[in-house]
Amino acid sequence: MTKPTTTRHIVITDQEYELPYSKGLMASAIMATGLAPARAFHVAEVIEARLTESGRTSIGRADLTDVALDVLRDEVGARYAESFAKWQMVNRLQLPLVILLGGATGVGKSTIATMLAARLGITRVIPTDAIREVMRAAFTEEIYPTLHTSSFDAARLVRVPLPRSADPVIIGFREQVSAVAVGINALVQRAVAEGTDLIVEGAHVVPGFIDPKRFHGEAVVVPMVVTVDDEELHRSHFVLRVHEARNRPPERYLDFFDNIRNVQKYVKSLALQHGVPIVPSYNLDATLSQVIDLVVGQAIEAVPSQPRARQ
């Protein structure tokens, strides 16, 4: 009679609770490098195989990272190994990580934010449209009319007389952004107080209206603006929305497409003015990889010294 085989777990020792090595958790950590999920899980399996072959029953986190780096170099290349090493340093920060993802309507911010959160293990993603909805409940249309429409259609609700040279689309957009920015700053302040990582995404994340330096030393704030430079590609994004949400017909967006492009041009100019990185969106995987590189790079730059581990 054959004896039943038993699975031998390799325990990670230097953490609050000793837990066995997990391929799923390791794959999630590896995905922060921009590696696709299937390849990340393969690397995690190879790491487990090497640990098993070594005959070890336990391993510290630093040694596990070294094994992971060796496997990454062998299996997918030095670029991913370097990115993993940097992200491990970011993960040891005591400061919360706050990513501010802006851009005009229809550039893919929500999709990027969702996938970015999954790759980086961030559980809190707040769209600025949700902030605007809360503010609508507090301020009626009579009190704050520009809150009660889309960001690209706020011009028609601007009450103050405009100079002849002024662009009403941008004036209305600025008025709405100014109001929503108050809520964004409050959310970031709450994340700082709680020590919670956060992604805020939406058309109201506009350079110049939120000052990352305000949270210097309290959080690593990484702002960026996503753009779609190709006009026809941008237009096609609204057609795809028909399949994603029934209550968001493309006709409204296409009717205001010139306004949306105008807003993108304005936000892009502010990004250049304030030194905020611009990420062109043309391929989701490439864009996501660029965003992750940007987050890791800016986080490392913001905290150049070796940080202590998070508790």
C-alpha atoms as a PDB file:
ATOM      1  CA  MET A   1       0.000   0.000   0.000  1.00  0.00           C
ATOM      2  CA  THR A   2       1.491   3.297  -1.102  1.00  0.00           C
ATOM      3  CA  LYS A   3       1.793   6.004   1.480  1.00  0.00           C
ATOM      4  CA  PRO A   4      -0.124   9.228   0.769  1.00  0.00           C
ATOM      5  CA  THR A   5       2.117  12.046  -0.318  1.00  0.00           C
ATOM      6  CA  THR A   6       2.227  15.075   1.923  1.00  0.00           C
ATOM      7  CA  THR A   7       2.803  18.597   0.721  1.00  0.00           C
ATOM      8  CA  ARG A   8       5.705  20.244   2.503  1.00  0.00           C
ATOM      9  CA  HIS A   9       5.142  23.946   3.067  1.00  0.00           C
ATOM     10  CA  ILE A  10       7.989  26.448   3.104  1.00  0.00           C
ATOM     11  CA  VAL A  11       7.309  28.953   5.856  1.00  0.00           C
ATOM     12  CA  ILE A  12       8.197  32.640   5.610  1.00  0.00           C
ATOM     13  CA  THR A  13       9.570  33.309   9.059  1.00  0.00           C
ATOM     14  CA  ASP A  14      10.248  37.003   9.631  1.00  0.00           C
ATOM     15  CA  GLN A  15       6.712  38.345   9.598  1.00  0.00           C
ATOM     16  CA  GLU A  16       4.102  38.859  12.305  1.00  0.00           C
ATOM     17  CA  TYR A  17       2.446  35.527  11.550  1.00  0.00           C
ATOM     18  CA  GLU A  18       4.497  32.736   9.998  1.00  0.00           C
ATOM     19  CA  LEU A  19       2.698  31.761   6.806  1.00  0.00           C
ATOM     20  CA  PRO A  20       3.579  29.294   4.052  1.00  0.00           C
ATOM     21  CA  TYR A  21       4.884  30.505   0.718  1.00  0.00           C
ATOM     22  CA  SER A  22       1.972  31.379  -1.590  1.00  0.00           C
ATOM     23  CA  LYS A  23       2.248  31.296  -5.373  1.00  0.00           C
ATOM     24  CA  GLY A  24      -0.791  33.560  -5.618  1.00  0.00           C
ATOM     25  CA  LEU A  25       0.660  36.241  -3.347  1.00  0.00           C
ATOM     26  CA  MET A  26       4.038  36.044  -5.059  1.00  0.00           C
ATOM     27  CA  ALA A  27       2.412  36.311  -8.497  1.00  0.00           C
ATOM     28  CA  SER A  28       0.501  39.405  -7.339  1.00  0.00           C
ATOM     29  CA  ALA A  29       3.748  40.985  -6.153  1.00  0.00           C
ATOM     30  CA  ILE A  30       5.464  40.134  -9.438  1.00  0.00           C
ATOM     31  CA  MET A  31       2.613  41.647 -11.471  1.00  0.00           C
ATOM     32  CA  ALA A  32       3.599  45.028 -10.034  1.00  0.00           C
ATOM     33  CA  THR A  33       6.540  44.891 -12.456  1.00  0.00           C
ATOM     34  CA  GLY A  34       4.118  44.999 -15.379  1.00  0.00           C
ATOM     35  CA  LEU A  35       4.460  41.304 -16.135  1.00  0.00           C
ATOM     36  CA  ALA A  36       1.276  39.654 -17.429  1.00  0.00           C
ATOM     37  CA  PRO A  37      -0.637  37.537 -14.875  1.00  0.00           C
ATOM     38  CA  ALA A  38       0.023  34.173 -16.563  1.00  0.00           C
ATOM     39  CA  ARG A  39       3.771  34.803 -16.794  1.00  0.00           C
ATOM     40  CA  ALA A  40       3.867  36.146 -13.230  1.00  0.00           C
ATOM     41  CA  PHE A  41       2.222  32.964 -11.942  1.00  0.00           C
ATOM     42  CA  HIS A  42       4.714  30.864 -13.923  1.00  0.00           C
ATOM     43  CA  VAL A  43       7.595  32.724 -12.261  1.00  0.00           C
ATOM     44  CA  ALA A  44       5.959  32.147  -8.849  1.00  0.00           C
ATOM     45  CA  GLU A  45       5.779  28.409  -9.615  1.00  0.00           C
ATOM     46  CA  VAL A  46       9.466  28.339 -10.577  1.00  0.00           C
ATOM     47  CA  ILE A  47      10.329  30.127  -7.321  1.00  0.00           C
ATOM     48  CA  GLU A  48       8.399  27.480  -5.382  1.00  0.00           C
ATOM     49  CA  ALA A  49      10.181  24.705  -7.280  1.00  0.00           C
ATOM     50  CA  ARG A  50      13.603  26.171  -6.448  1.00  0.00           C
ATOM     51  CA  LEU A  51      12.697  26.510  -2.788  1.00  0.00           C
ATOM     52  CA  THR A  52      11.520  22.903  -2.729  1.00  0.00           C
ATOM     53  CA  GLU A  53      14.667  21.667  -4.475  1.00  0.00           C
ATOM     54  CA  SER A  54      16.806  23.487  -1.924  1.00  0.00           C
ATOM     55  CA  GLY A  55      15.306  21.359   0.859  1.00  0.00           C
ATOM     56  CA  ARG A  56      14.460  24.403   2.957  1.00  0.00           C
ATOM     57  CA  THR A  57      11.541  24.387   5.355  1.00  0.00           C
ATOM     58  CA  SER A  58      11.654  28.113   6.084  1.00  0.00           C
ATOM     59  CA  ILE A  59      12.978  31.309   4.543  1.00  0.00           C
ATOM     60  CA  GLY A  60      13.200  34.983   5.471  1.00  0.00           C
ATOM     61  CA  ARG A  61      11.686  37.687   3.299  1.00  0.00           C
ATOM     62  CA  ALA A  62      15.068  39.103   2.256  1.00  0.00           C
ATOM     63  CA  ASP A  63      16.271  35.675   1.102  1.00  0.00           C
ATOM     64  CA  LEU A  64      12.946  35.046  -0.657  1.00  0.00           C
ATOM     65  CA  THR A  65      13.364  38.319  -2.525  1.00  0.00           C
ATOM     66  CA  ASP A  66      16.856  37.234  -3.614  1.00  0.00           C
ATOM     67  CA  VAL A  67      15.481  33.934  -4.936  1.00  0.00           C
ATOM     68  CA  ALA A  68      12.684  35.777  -6.735  1.00  0.00           C
ATOM     69  CA  LEU A  69      15.176  38.164  -8.343  1.00  0.00           C
ATOM     70  CA  ASP A  70      17.311  35.258  -9.597  1.00  0.00           C
ATOM     71  CA  VAL A  71      14.264  33.526 -11.081  1.00  0.00           C
ATOM     72  CA  LEU A  72      13.004  36.729 -12.687  1.00  0.00           C
ATOM     73  CA  ARG A  73      16.375  37.313 -14.355  1.00  0.00           C
ATOM     74  CA  ASP A  74      16.456  33.730 -15.643  1.00  0.00           C
ATOM     75  CA  GLU A  75      12.841  33.504 -16.753  1.00  0.00           C
ATOM     76  CA  VAL A  76      11.867  36.985 -18.005  1.00  0.00           C
ATOM     77  CA  GLY A  77      14.947  39.202 -17.955  1.00  0.00           C
ATOM     78  CA  ALA A  78      16.829  41.805 -15.938  1.00  0.00           C
ATOM     79  CA  ARG A  79      14.311  44.577 -16.605  1.00  0.00           C
ATOM     80  CA  TYR A  80      11.585  42.826 -14.616  1.00  0.00           C
ATOM     81  CA  ALA A  81      14.028  41.821 -11.900  1.00  0.00           C
ATOM     82  CA  GLU A  82      15.109  45.438 -11.455  1.00  0.00           C
ATOM     83  CA  SER A  83      11.506  46.618 -11.382  1.00  0.00           C
ATOM     84  CA  PHE A  84      10.648  43.958  -8.779  1.00  0.00           C
ATOM     85  CA  ALA A  85      13.556  45.039  -6.580  1.00  0.00           C
ATOM     86  CA  LYS A  86      12.394  48.658  -6.758  1.00  0.00           C
ATOM     87  CA  TRP A  87       8.808  47.733  -5.977  1.00  0.00           C
ATOM     88  CA  GLN A  88       9.898  45.705  -2.956  1.00  0.00           C
ATOM     89  CA  MET A  89      11.545  48.862  -1.673  1.00  0.00           C
ATOM     90  CA  VAL A  90       8.347  50.841  -2.278  1.00  0.00           C
ATOM     91  CA  ASN A  91       6.345  48.188  -0.413  1.00  0.00           C
ATOM     92  CA  ARG A  92       8.521  48.742   2.645  1.00  0.00           C
ATOM     93  CA  LEU A  93       7.623  52.409   2.883  1.00  0.00           C
ATOM     94  CA  GLN A  94       5.925  53.597   6.008  1.00  0.00           C
ATOM     95  CA  LEU A  95       4.256  56.319   3.957  1.00  0.00           C
ATOM     96  CA  PRO A  96       0.982  55.693   2.081  1.00  0.00           C
ATOM     97  CA  LEU A  97       1.110  55.692  -1.710  1.00  0.00           C
ATOM     98  CA  VAL A  98      -1.413  57.986  -3.439  1.00  0.00           C
ATOM     99  CA  ILE A  99      -1.763  57.836  -7.226  1.00  0.00           C
ATOM    100  CA  LEU A 100      -3.604  60.713  -8.940  1.00  0.00           C
ATOM    101  CA  LEU A 101      -4.678  59.600 -12.421  1.00  0.00           C
ATOM    102  CA  GLY A 102      -6.111  62.389 -14.553  1.00  0.00           C
ATOM    103  CA  GLY A 103      -7.078  62.865 -18.172  1.00  0.00           C
ATOM    104  CA  ALA A 104     -10.001  63.862 -20.366  1.00  0.00           C
ATOM    105  CA  THR A 105     -13.157  61.787 -20.705  1.00  0.00           C
ATOM    106  CA  GLY A 106     -12.686  58.586 -22.687  1.00  0.00           C
ATOM    107  CA  VAL A 107      -8.919  58.096 -22.477  1.00  0.00           C
ATOM    108  CA  GLY A 108      -9.202  54.887 -20.426  1.00  0.00           C
ATOM    109  CA  LYS A 109      -8.511  56.165 -16.899  1.00  0.00           C
ATOM    110  CA  SER A 110     -10.985  53.853 -15.161  1.00  0.00           C
ATOM    111  CA  THR A 111      -9.660  50.730 -16.878  1.00  0.00           C
ATOM    112  CA  ILE A 112      -6.057  51.698 -16.151  1.00  0.00           C
ATOM    113  CA  ALA A 113      -6.874  52.497 -12.505  1.00  0.00           C
ATOM    114  CA  THR A 114      -8.656  49.170 -11.977  1.00  0.00           C
ATOM    115  CA  MET A 115      -5.836  47.135 -13.491  1.00  0.00           C
ATOM    116  CA  LEU A 116      -3.195  49.228 -11.714  1.00  0.00           C
ATOM    117  CA  ALA A 117      -4.895  48.613  -8.378  1.00  0.00           C
ATOM    118  CA  ALA A 118      -4.939  44.867  -9.034  1.00  0.00           C
ATOM    119  CA  ARG A 119      -1.266  44.825  -9.997  1.00  0.00           C
ATOM    120  CA  LEU A 120      -0.140  46.918  -7.027  1.00  0.00           C
ATOM    121  CA  GLY A 121      -2.480  45.420  -4.436  1.00  0.00           C
ATOM    122  CA  ILE A 122      -4.278  48.713  -3.766  1.00  0.00           C
ATOM    123  CA  THR A 123      -7.831  48.185  -2.531  1.00  0.00           C
ATOM    124  CA  ARG A 124      -9.111  51.754  -2.550  1.00  0.00           C
ATOM    125  CA  VAL A 125      -9.903  53.299  -5.966  1.00  0.00           C
ATOM    126  CA  ILE A 126     -12.067  56.435  -5.997  1.00  0.00           C
ATOM    127  CA  PRO A 127     -13.425  57.961  -9.235  1.00  0.00           C
ATOM    128  CA  THR A 128     -13.879  61.724  -9.119  1.00  0.00           C
ATOM    129  CA  ASP A 129     -17.382  61.315 -10.566  1.00  0.00           C
ATOM    130  CA  ALA A 130     -18.293  59.696  -7.230  1.00  0.00           C
ATOM    131  CA  ILE A 131     -16.921  62.732  -5.402  1.00  0.00           C
ATOM    132  CA  ARG A 132     -18.963  64.999  -7.653  1.00  0.00           C
ATOM    133  CA  GLU A 133     -22.126  62.958  -6.916  1.00  0.00           C
ATOM    134  CA  VAL A 134     -21.627  63.438  -3.177  1.00  0.00           C
ATOM    135  CA  MET A 135     -21.094  67.160  -3.657  1.00  0.00           C
ATOM    136  CA  ARG A 136     -24.253  67.362  -5.779  1.00  0.00           C
ATOM    137  CA  ALA A 137     -26.192  66.115  -2.772  1.00  0.00           C
ATOM    138  CA  ALA A 138     -24.708  68.906  -0.662  1.00  0.00           C
ATOM    139  CA  PHE A 139     -25.031  71.702  -3.235  1.00  0.00           C
ATOM    140  CA  THR A 140     -28.198  72.054  -5.292  1.00  0.00           C
ATOM    141  CA  GLU A 141     -28.102  73.136  -8.918  1.00  0.00           C
ATOM    142  CA  GLU A 142     -29.213  76.610  -7.854  1.00  0.00           C
ATOM    143  CA  ILE A 143     -26.222  76.942  -5.513  1.00  0.00           C
ATOM    144  CA  TYR A 144     -23.524  75.312  -7.691  1.00  0.00           C
ATOM    145  CA  PRO A 145     -24.873  74.714 -11.214  1.00  0.00           C
ATOM    146  CA  THR A 146     -21.659  73.474 -12.879  1.00  0.00           C
ATOM    147  CA  LEU A 147     -21.531  70.470 -10.536  1.00  0.00           C
ATOM    148  CA  HIS A 148     -24.751  69.181 -12.071  1.00  0.00           C
ATOM    149  CA  THR A 149     -23.489  68.263 -15.526  1.00  0.00           C
ATOM    150  CA  SER A 150     -20.597  66.539 -17.255  1.00  0.00           C
ATOM    151  CA  SER A 151     -17.125  68.063 -17.112  1.00  0.00           C
ATOM    152  CA  PHE A 152     -17.167  68.703 -20.869  1.00  0.00           C
ATOM    153  CA  ASP A 153     -20.624  70.349 -20.785  1.00  0.00           C
ATOM    154  CA  ALA A 154     -20.230  72.740 -17.841  1.00  0.00           C
ATOM    155  CA  ALA A 155     -19.924  75.800 -20.077  1.00  0.00           C
ATOM    156  CA  ARG A 156     -23.698  76.209 -20.444  1.00  0.00           C
ATOM    157  CA  LEU A 157     -24.133  76.536 -16.667  1.00  0.00           C
ATOM    158  CA  VAL A 158     -21.504  79.226 -16.046  1.00  0.00           C
ATOM    159  CA  ARG A 159     -23.326  82.246 -14.646  1.00  0.00           C
ATOM    160  CA  VAL A 160     -20.633  84.913 -14.555  1.00  0.00           C
ATOM    161  CA  PRO A 161     -20.086  87.104 -17.637  1.00  0.00           C
ATOM    162  CA  LEU A 162     -17.133  85.885 -19.683  1.00  0.00           C
ATOM    163  CA  PRO A 163     -14.522  87.996 -21.475  1.00  0.00           C
ATOM    164  CA  ARG A 164     -14.833  87.821 -25.251  1.00  0.00           C
ATOM    165  CA  SER A 165     -11.495  86.001 -25.510  1.00  0.00           C
ATOM    166  CA  ALA A 166     -12.403  83.380 -22.894  1.00  0.00           C
ATOM    167  CA  ASP A 167     -13.212  79.793 -23.862  1.00  0.00           C
ATOM    168  CA  PRO A 168     -16.518  78.925 -22.134  1.00  0.00           C
ATOM    169  CA  VAL A 169     -15.736  75.189 -22.275  1.00  0.00           C
ATOM    170  CA  ILE A 170     -12.562  75.685 -20.272  1.00  0.00           C
ATOM    171  CA  ILE A 171     -14.145  78.211 -17.917  1.00  0.00           C
ATOM    172  CA  GLY A 172     -16.958  75.787 -17.084  1.00  0.00           C
ATOM    173  CA  PHE A 173     -14.515  72.902 -16.742  1.00  0.00           C
ATOM    174  CA  ARG A 174     -12.283  74.896 -14.380  1.00  0.00           C
ATOM    175  CA  GLU A 175     -15.249  75.875 -12.226  1.00  0.00           C
ATOM    176  CA  GLN A 176     -16.308  72.246 -11.804  1.00  0.00           C
ATOM    177  CA  VAL A 177     -12.747  71.043 -11.202  1.00  0.00           C
ATOM    178  CA  SER A 178     -12.221  73.712  -8.521  1.00  0.00           C
ATOM    179  CA  ALA A 179     -15.186  72.364  -6.582  1.00  0.00           C
ATOM    180  CA  VAL A 180     -14.318  68.661  -6.952  1.00  0.00           C
ATOM    181  CA  ALA A 181     -10.657  69.333  -6.068  1.00  0.00           C
ATOM    182  CA  VAL A 182     -11.800  70.196  -2.534  1.00  0.00           C
ATOM    183  CA  GLY A 183     -13.163  66.667  -2.195  1.00  0.00           C
ATOM    184  CA  ILE A 184     -10.049  65.116  -3.749  1.00  0.00           C
ATOM    185  CA  ASN A 185      -7.779  66.914  -1.302  1.00  0.00           C
ATOM    186  CA  ALA A 186      -9.981  65.753   1.594  1.00  0.00           C
ATOM    187  CA  LEU A 187      -9.744  62.126   0.386  1.00  0.00           C
ATOM    188  CA  VAL A 188      -5.970  62.316   0.112  1.00  0.00           C
ATOM    189  CA  GLN A 189      -5.761  63.881   3.565  1.00  0.00           C
ATOM    190  CA  ARG A 190      -7.873  61.023   4.952  1.00  0.00           C
ATOM    191  CA  ALA A 191      -5.621  58.433   3.275  1.00  0.00           C
ATOM    192  CA  VAL A 192      -2.593  60.139   4.811  1.00  0.00           C
ATOM    193  CA  ALA A 193      -4.178  60.123   8.261  1.00  0.00           C
ATOM    194  CA  GLU A 194      -5.111  56.427   7.952  1.00  0.00           C
ATOM    195  CA  GLY A 195      -1.877  55.376   6.242  1.00  0.00           C
ATOM    196  CA  THR A 196      -3.892  53.873   3.380  1.00  0.00           C
ATOM    197  CA  ASP A 197      -2.786  53.509  -0.241  1.00  0.00           C
ATOM    198  CA  LEU A 198      -5.190  55.206  -2.650  1.00  0.00           C
ATOM    199  CA  ILE A 199      -5.863  55.724  -6.354  1.00  0.00           C
ATOM    200  CA  VAL A 200      -7.975  58.724  -7.370  1.00  0.00           C
ATOM    201  CA  GLU A 201      -8.933  58.744 -11.042  1.00  0.00           C
ATOM    202  CA  GLY A 202     -11.061  61.047 -13.155  1.00  0.00           C
ATOM    203  CA  ALA A 203     -11.343  64.085 -15.362  1.00  0.00           C
ATOM    204  CA  HIS A 204     -11.211  66.312 -12.280  1.00  0.00           C
ATOM    205  CA  VAL A 205      -7.657  65.277 -11.377  1.00  0.00           C
ATOM    206  CA  VAL A 206      -6.043  68.306 -12.982  1.00  0.00           C
ATOM    207  CA  PRO A 207      -2.489  69.602 -12.416  1.00  0.00           C
ATOM    208  CA  GLY A 208      -2.452  72.878 -10.522  1.00  0.00           C
ATOM    209  CA  PHE A 209      -5.688  72.184  -8.642  1.00  0.00           C
ATOM    210  CA  ILE A 210      -4.121  69.562  -6.362  1.00  0.00           C
ATOM    211  CA  ASP A 211      -0.684  70.227  -4.889  1.00  0.00           C
ATOM    212  CA  PRO A 212       1.254  66.991  -4.176  1.00  0.00           C
ATOM    213  CA  LYS A 213       3.881  69.007  -2.268  1.00  0.00           C
ATOM    214  CA  ARG A 214       1.252  69.710   0.381  1.00  0.00           C
ATOM    215  CA  PHE A 215       1.636  66.086   1.516  1.00  0.00           C
ATOM    216  CA  HIS A 216       5.439  65.961   1.349  1.00  0.00           C
ATOM    217  CA  GLY A 217       6.819  63.749   4.084  1.00  0.00           C
ATOM    218  CA  GLU A 218       3.340  62.360   4.841  1.00  0.00           C
ATOM    219  CA  ALA A 219       2.647  60.406   1.649  1.00  0.00           C
ATOM    220  CA  VAL A 220       4.197  59.500  -1.676  1.00  0.00           C
ATOM    221  CA  VAL A 221       1.863  61.266  -4.114  1.00  0.00           C
ATOM    222  CA  VAL A 222       2.293  60.315  -7.771  1.00  0.00           C
ATOM    223  CA  PRO A 223       0.295  62.470 -10.214  1.00  0.00           C
ATOM    224  CA  MET A 224       0.002  61.738 -13.933  1.00  0.00           C
ATOM    225  CA  VAL A 225      -2.175  62.603 -16.916  1.00  0.00           C
ATOM    226  CA  VAL A 226      -3.299  60.029 -19.485  1.00  0.00           C
ATOM    227  CA  THR A 227      -3.899  61.251 -23.048  1.00  0.00           C
ATOM    228  CA  VAL A 228      -5.029  59.821 -26.372  1.00  0.00           C
ATOM    229  CA  ASP A 229      -3.290  61.857 -29.044  1.00  0.00           C
ATOM    230  CA  ASP A 230      -4.871  60.052 -31.993  1.00  0.00           C
ATOM    231  CA  GLU A 231      -8.261  61.715 -32.502  1.00  0.00           C
ATOM    232  CA  GLU A 232      -9.912  58.748 -34.236  1.00  0.00           C
ATOM    233  CA  LEU A 233      -8.655  56.312 -31.596  1.00  0.00           C
ATOM    234  CA  HIS A 234     -10.089  58.578 -28.915  1.00  0.00           C
ATOM    235  CA  ARG A 235     -13.414  58.730 -30.743  1.00  0.00           C
ATOM    236  CA  SER A 236     -13.543  54.932 -30.998  1.00  0.00           C
ATOM    237  CA  HIS A 237     -13.335  54.613 -27.201  1.00  0.00           C
ATOM    238  CA  PHE A 238     -16.839  56.038 -26.883  1.00  0.00           C
ATOM    239  CA  VAL A 239     -18.261  53.521 -29.325  1.00  0.00           C
ATOM    240  CA  LEU A 240     -16.764  50.719 -27.204  1.00  0.00           C
ATOM    241  CA  ARG A 241     -18.609  52.071 -24.166  1.00  0.00           C
ATOM    242  CA  VAL A 242     -21.878  50.807 -25.649  1.00  0.00           C
ATOM    243  CA  HIS A 243     -20.752  47.260 -24.795  1.00  0.00           C
ATOM    244  CA  GLU A 244     -19.534  48.211 -21.313  1.00  0.00           C
ATOM    245  CA  ALA A 245     -22.447  50.231 -19.903  1.00  0.00           C
ATOM    246  CA  ARG A 246     -25.983  50.398 -21.223  1.00  0.00           C
ATOM    247  CA  ASN A 247     -26.750  53.735 -19.636  1.00  0.00           C
ATOM    248  CA  ARG A 248     -23.818  55.507 -21.306  1.00  0.00           C
ATOM    249  CA  PRO A 249     -24.785  55.884 -24.966  1.00  0.00           C
ATOM    250  CA  PRO A 250     -21.940  57.123 -27.168  1.00  0.00           C
ATOM    251  CA  GLU A 251     -24.027  59.811 -28.878  1.00  0.00           C
ATOM    252  CA  ARG A 252     -23.719  62.245 -25.974  1.00  0.00           C
ATOM    253  CA  TYR A 253     -19.938  61.923 -25.900  1.00  0.00           C
ATOM    254  CA  LEU A 254     -19.620  62.150 -29.657  1.00  0.00           C
ATOM    255  CA  ASP A 255     -21.848  65.245 -29.728  1.00  0.00           C
ATOM    256  CA  PHE A 256     -19.424  66.905 -27.309  1.00  0.00           C
ATOM    257  CA  PHE A 257     -16.279  65.331 -28.746  1.00  0.00           C
ATOM    258  CA  ASP A 258     -14.742  68.672 -29.743  1.00  0.00           C
ATOM    259  CA  ASN A 259     -15.223  69.904 -26.177  1.00  0.00           C
ATOM    260  CA  ILE A 260     -13.582  66.756 -24.814  1.00  0.00           C
ATOM    261  CA  ARG A 261     -10.594  67.217 -27.116  1.00  0.00           C
ATOM    262  CA  ASN A 262     -10.403  70.858 -26.051  1.00  0.00           C
ATOM    263  CA  VAL A 263     -10.360  69.843 -22.390  1.00  0.00           C
ATOM    264  CA  GLN A 264      -7.595  67.295 -23.097  1.00  0.00           C
ATOM    265  CA  LYS A 265      -5.481  69.977 -24.764  1.00  0.00           C
ATOM    266  CA  TYR A 266      -5.960  72.249 -21.758  1.00  0.00           C
ATOM    267  CA  VAL A 267      -5.167  69.556 -19.166  1.00  0.00           C
ATOM    268  CA  LYS A 268      -2.105  68.502 -21.156  1.00  0.00           C
ATOM    269  CA  SER A 269      -0.840  72.093 -21.178  1.00  0.00           C
ATOM    270  CA  LEU A 270      -1.252  72.276 -17.393  1.00  0.00           C
ATOM    271  CA  ALA A 271       0.626  68.989 -16.997  1.00  0.00           C
ATOM    272  CA  LEU A 272       3.537  70.410 -18.981  1.00  0.00           C
ATOM    273  CA  GLN A 273       3.380  73.646 -16.980  1.00  0.00           C
ATOM    274  CA  HIS A 274       3.457  71.866 -13.606  1.00  0.00           C
ATOM    275  CA  GLY A 275       5.894  69.100 -14.541  1.00  0.00           C
ATOM    276  CA  VAL A 276       3.319  66.312 -14.228  1.00  0.00           C
ATOM    277  CA  PRO A 277       4.123  63.215 -16.331  1.00  0.00           C
ATOM    278  CA  ILE A 278       1.989  62.628 -19.430  1.00  0.00           C
ATOM    279  CA  VAL A 279       1.248  59.015 -20.375  1.00  0.00           C
ATOM    280  CA  PRO A 280       0.042  58.519 -23.968  1.00  0.00           C
ATOM    281  CA  SER A 281      -2.556  55.733 -24.151  1.00  0.00           C
ATOM    282  CA  TYR A 282      -2.532  53.676 -27.332  1.00  0.00           C
ATOM    283  CA  ASN A 283      -2.171  50.085 -26.083  1.00  0.00           C
ATOM    284  CA  LEU A 284      -3.499  49.016 -22.689  1.00  0.00           C
ATOM    285  CA  ASP A 285      -0.658  46.661 -21.754  1.00  0.00           C
ATOM    286  CA  ALA A 286       2.023  49.144 -22.830  1.00  0.00           C
ATOM    287  CA  THR A 287       0.259  52.016 -21.073  1.00  0.00           C
ATOM    288  CA  LEU A 288      -0.170  50.029 -17.858  1.00  0.00           C
ATOM    289  CA  SER A 289       3.483  49.018 -17.894  1.00  0.00           C
ATOM    290  CA  GLN A 290       4.508  52.655 -18.381  1.00  0.00           C
ATOM    291  CA  VAL A 291       2.241  53.775 -15.530  1.00  0.00           C
ATOM    292  CA  ILE A 292       3.695  51.135 -13.183  1.00  0.00           C
ATOM    293  CA  ASP A 293       7.246  52.151 -14.091  1.00  0.00           C
ATOM    294  CA  LEU A 294       6.302  55.759 -13.422  1.00  0.00           C
ATOM    295  CA  VAL A 295       4.759  54.954 -10.026  1.00  0.00           C
ATOM    296  CA  VAL A 296       7.735  52.885  -8.904  1.00  0.00           C
ATOM    297  CA  GLY A 297      10.268  55.404 -10.217  1.00  0.00           C
ATOM    298  CA  GLN A 298       8.609  58.415  -8.596  1.00  0.00           C
ATOM    299  CA  ALA A 299       8.097  56.571  -5.325  1.00  0.00           C
ATOM    300  CA  ILE A 300      11.776  55.616  -5.173  1.00  0.00           C
ATOM    301  CA  GLU A 301      12.768  59.174  -6.074  1.00  0.00           C
ATOM    302  CA  ALA A 302      10.459  60.596  -3.413  1.00  0.00           C
ATOM    303  CA  VAL A 303      12.022  58.418  -0.716  1.00  0.00           C
ATOM    304  CA  PRO A 304      15.647  57.934  -1.794  1.00  0.00           C
ATOM    305  CA  SER A 305      16.919  56.617   1.541  1.00  0.00           C
ATOM    306  CA  GLN A 306      16.331  53.041   2.646  1.00  0.00           C
ATOM    307  CA  PRO A 307      12.981  53.099   4.493  1.00  0.00           C
ATOM    308  CA  ARG A 308      11.979  51.001   7.451  1.00  0.00           C
ATOM    309  CA  ALA A 309       9.519  48.188   6.946  1.00  0.00           C
ATOM    310  CA  ARG A 310       5.815  48.840   7.338  1.00  0.00           C
ATOM    311  CA  GLN A 311       4.269  47.361  10.459  1.00  0.00           C
END
